[in-house]
Amino acid sequence: MIIIASVVFLLVGAMLANVAAALFSASEPFGRISYLIGLPNEDDFVPYSLRFVAFFPLMLSASMAASFFGVWAVLIIPFGYFPSLMMVHKHNKQVQRTWDSVTVADFYEDSTPLV
């Protein structure tokens, strides 16, 4: 029965971390996102707090599963963060491809008349 509660807390923590990654991606469509720890902007309080709060259900899940898995239950915490980290990785790769396609010529203004 305790393993079921551990899985529930694992899912809750993973969902909170995924929501935080989605909020980061929506608030910074053209900027890179830090994977775990970063300097929050003024308007990034909710995603950073969700990322912080997601740690507690994952830690609770690991402590509940410790009776079943032993010391290896600590690996539940990175396992819960893994989908969120993949979302951040995908966002950062997309931002990198976007900025790699931008050249100086895109911002160059030609002063020749259009006539």
C-alpha atoms as a PDB file:
ATOM      1  CA  MET A   1       0.000   0.000   0.000  1.00  0.00           C
ATOM      2  CA  ILE A   2       2.851   2.358   0.764  1.00  0.00           C
ATOM      3  CA  ILE A   3       4.303   1.889  -2.714  1.00  0.00           C
ATOM      4  CA  ILE A   4       1.033   3.151  -4.226  1.00  0.00           C
ATOM      5  CA  ALA A   5       1.262   6.317  -2.148  1.00  0.00           C
ATOM      6  CA  SER A   6       4.874   6.678  -3.230  1.00  0.00           C
ATOM      7  CA  VAL A   7       3.869   6.463  -6.894  1.00  0.00           C
ATOM      8  CA  VAL A   8       1.116   9.035  -6.342  1.00  0.00           C
ATOM      9  CA  PHE A   9       3.587  11.482  -4.801  1.00  0.00           C
ATOM     10  CA  LEU A  10       6.004  10.765  -7.649  1.00  0.00           C
ATOM     11  CA  LEU A  11       3.320  11.684 -10.185  1.00  0.00           C
ATOM     12  CA  VAL A  12       2.337  14.829  -8.282  1.00  0.00           C
ATOM     13  CA  GLY A  13       5.951  16.005  -8.088  1.00  0.00           C
ATOM     14  CA  ALA A  14       6.582  15.231 -11.757  1.00  0.00           C
ATOM     15  CA  MET A  15       3.432  17.107 -12.793  1.00  0.00           C
ATOM     16  CA  LEU A  16       4.420  20.163 -10.752  1.00  0.00           C
ATOM     17  CA  ALA A  17       7.874  20.146 -12.335  1.00  0.00           C
ATOM     18  CA  ASN A  18       6.331  19.836 -15.824  1.00  0.00           C
ATOM     19  CA  VAL A  19       3.960  22.731 -15.167  1.00  0.00           C
ATOM     20  CA  ALA A  20       6.924  24.822 -14.027  1.00  0.00           C
ATOM     21  CA  ALA A  21       8.828  23.974 -17.226  1.00  0.00           C
ATOM     22  CA  ALA A  22       5.795  24.874 -19.349  1.00  0.00           C
ATOM     23  CA  LEU A  23       5.437  28.209 -17.547  1.00  0.00           C
ATOM     24  CA  PHE A  24       9.126  28.949 -18.077  1.00  0.00           C
ATOM     25  CA  SER A  25       8.798  28.118 -21.766  1.00  0.00           C
ATOM     26  CA  ALA A  26       5.740  30.339 -22.164  1.00  0.00           C
ATOM     27  CA  SER A  27       7.313  33.277 -20.337  1.00  0.00           C
ATOM     28  CA  GLU A  28      10.651  33.036 -22.198  1.00  0.00           C
ATOM     29  CA  PRO A  29       9.845  32.004 -25.794  1.00  0.00           C
ATOM     30  CA  PHE A  30      13.174  33.316 -27.139  1.00  0.00           C
ATOM     31  CA  GLY A  31      15.371  32.864 -24.064  1.00  0.00           C
ATOM     32  CA  ARG A  32      17.165  29.896 -22.603  1.00  0.00           C
ATOM     33  CA  ILE A  33      15.864  28.303 -19.407  1.00  0.00           C
ATOM     34  CA  SER A  34      18.101  27.082 -16.604  1.00  0.00           C
ATOM     35  CA  TYR A  35      17.804  23.377 -15.903  1.00  0.00           C
ATOM     36  CA  LEU A  36      17.538  23.456 -12.117  1.00  0.00           C
ATOM     37  CA  ILE A  37      18.842  26.622 -10.476  1.00  0.00           C
ATOM     38  CA  GLY A  38      18.873  30.056 -12.024  1.00  0.00           C
ATOM     39  CA  LEU A  39      18.438  33.708 -11.240  1.00  0.00           C
ATOM     40  CA  PRO A  40      14.726  34.521 -11.322  1.00  0.00           C
ATOM     41  CA  ASN A  41      13.472  37.580 -13.111  1.00  0.00           C
ATOM     42  CA  GLU A  42      10.882  39.788 -11.465  1.00  0.00           C
ATOM     43  CA  ASP A  43       7.982  37.967 -13.126  1.00  0.00           C
ATOM     44  CA  ASP A  44       9.266  34.383 -12.732  1.00  0.00           C
ATOM     45  CA  PHE A  45       8.129  33.822  -9.146  1.00  0.00           C
ATOM     46  CA  VAL A  46       5.447  31.225  -9.912  1.00  0.00           C
ATOM     47  CA  PRO A  47       7.572  28.893 -12.097  1.00  0.00           C
ATOM     48  CA  TYR A  48      10.495  28.996  -9.677  1.00  0.00           C
ATOM     49  CA  SER A  49       8.220  28.385  -6.704  1.00  0.00           C
ATOM     50  CA  LEU A  50       6.530  25.468  -8.511  1.00  0.00           C
ATOM     51  CA  ARG A  51       9.921  23.992  -9.293  1.00  0.00           C
ATOM     52  CA  PHE A  52      10.829  24.361  -5.619  1.00  0.00           C
ATOM     53  CA  VAL A  53       7.524  22.900  -4.397  1.00  0.00           C
ATOM     54  CA  ALA A  54       7.846  19.930  -6.794  1.00  0.00           C
ATOM     55  CA  PHE A  55      10.876  18.764  -4.845  1.00  0.00           C
ATOM     56  CA  PHE A  56       8.852  18.021  -1.703  1.00  0.00           C
ATOM     57  CA  PRO A  57       6.426  15.428  -3.134  1.00  0.00           C
ATOM     58  CA  LEU A  58       9.384  13.780  -4.861  1.00  0.00           C
ATOM     59  CA  MET A  59      11.323  13.711  -1.615  1.00  0.00           C
ATOM     60  CA  LEU A  60       8.275  12.321   0.202  1.00  0.00           C
ATOM     61  CA  SER A  61       7.903   9.684  -2.503  1.00  0.00           C
ATOM     62  CA  ALA A  62      11.542   8.677  -2.098  1.00  0.00           C
ATOM     63  CA  SER A  63      11.225   8.447   1.664  1.00  0.00           C
ATOM     64  CA  MET A  64       8.087   6.308   1.401  1.00  0.00           C
ATOM     65  CA  ALA A  65       9.710   4.000  -1.144  1.00  0.00           C
ATOM     66  CA  ALA A  66      12.824   3.603   0.999  1.00  0.00           C
ATOM     67  CA  SER A  67      11.238   0.703   2.845  1.00  0.00           C
ATOM     68  CA  PHE A  68      10.806  -1.085  -0.475  1.00  0.00           C
ATOM     69  CA  PHE A  69      13.870  -0.006  -2.491  1.00  0.00           C
ATOM     70  CA  GLY A  70      16.288   0.870   0.292  1.00  0.00           C
ATOM     71  CA  VAL A  71      18.922   3.487  -0.462  1.00  0.00           C
ATOM     72  CA  TRP A  72      18.125   3.287  -4.178  1.00  0.00           C
ATOM     73  CA  ALA A  73      14.850   5.117  -3.514  1.00  0.00           C
ATOM     74  CA  VAL A  74      16.807   8.381  -3.650  1.00  0.00           C
ATOM     75  CA  LEU A  75      16.915   7.915  -7.441  1.00  0.00           C
ATOM     76  CA  ILE A  76      13.178   8.622  -7.526  1.00  0.00           C
ATOM     77  CA  ILE A  77      13.902  12.354  -7.217  1.00  0.00           C
ATOM     78  CA  PRO A  78      15.882  12.662 -10.500  1.00  0.00           C
ATOM     79  CA  PHE A  79      13.455  10.208 -12.102  1.00  0.00           C
ATOM     80  CA  GLY A  80      10.591  12.585 -11.256  1.00  0.00           C
ATOM     81  CA  TYR A  81      12.451  15.609 -12.614  1.00  0.00           C
ATOM     82  CA  PHE A  82      13.488  13.850 -15.841  1.00  0.00           C
ATOM     83  CA  PRO A  83      10.399  14.791 -17.967  1.00  0.00           C
ATOM     84  CA  SER A  84      10.747  18.411 -16.893  1.00  0.00           C
ATOM     85  CA  LEU A  85      14.437  18.428 -17.762  1.00  0.00           C
ATOM     86  CA  MET A  86      13.653  17.010 -21.202  1.00  0.00           C
ATOM     87  CA  MET A  87      11.074  19.763 -21.780  1.00  0.00           C
ATOM     88  CA  VAL A  88      13.660  22.401 -20.828  1.00  0.00           C
ATOM     89  CA  HIS A  89      16.251  20.722 -23.086  1.00  0.00           C
ATOM     90  CA  LYS A  90      13.819  20.744 -26.026  1.00  0.00           C
ATOM     91  CA  HIS A  91      13.003  24.419 -25.422  1.00  0.00           C
ATOM     92  CA  ASN A  92      16.686  25.381 -25.218  1.00  0.00           C
ATOM     93  CA  LYS A  93      17.477  23.499 -28.447  1.00  0.00           C
ATOM     94  CA  GLN A  94      14.590  25.246 -30.200  1.00  0.00           C
ATOM     95  CA  VAL A  95      15.820  28.638 -28.978  1.00  0.00           C
ATOM     96  CA  GLN A  96      19.350  27.803 -30.117  1.00  0.00           C
ATOM     97  CA  ARG A  97      18.109  26.843 -33.601  1.00  0.00           C
ATOM     98  CA  THR A  98      16.091  30.063 -33.772  1.00  0.00           C
ATOM     99  CA  TRP A  99      19.034  32.263 -32.819  1.00  0.00           C
ATOM    100  CA  ASP A 100      21.446  30.361 -35.063  1.00  0.00           C
ATOM    101  CA  SER A 101      19.231  31.127 -38.050  1.00  0.00           C
ATOM    102  CA  VAL A 102      19.300  34.883 -37.314  1.00  0.00           C
ATOM    103  CA  THR A 103      22.110  36.763 -39.047  1.00  0.00           C
ATOM    104  CA  VAL A 104      23.337  40.339 -39.033  1.00  0.00           C
ATOM    105  CA  ALA A 105      21.793  40.812 -42.475  1.00  0.00           C
ATOM    106  CA  ASP A 106      18.348  40.344 -40.922  1.00  0.00           C
ATOM    107  CA  PHE A 107      18.842  43.590 -38.987  1.00  0.00           C
ATOM    108  CA  TYR A 108      20.643  45.520 -41.724  1.00  0.00           C
ATOM    109  CA  GLU A 109      18.663  48.438 -43.103  1.00  0.00           C
ATOM    110  CA  ASP A 110      19.319  49.360 -46.682  1.00  0.00           C
ATOM    111  CA  SER A 111      19.125  53.090 -47.264  1.00  0.00           C
ATOM    112  CA  THR A 112      18.556  52.847 -51.006  1.00  0.00           C
ATOM    113  CA  PRO A 113      15.280  54.300 -52.242  1.00  0.00           C
ATOM    114  CA  LEU A 114      12.535  51.856 -53.109  1.00  0.00           C
ATOM    115  CA  VAL A 115      11.717  53.594 -56.396  1.00  0.00           C
END
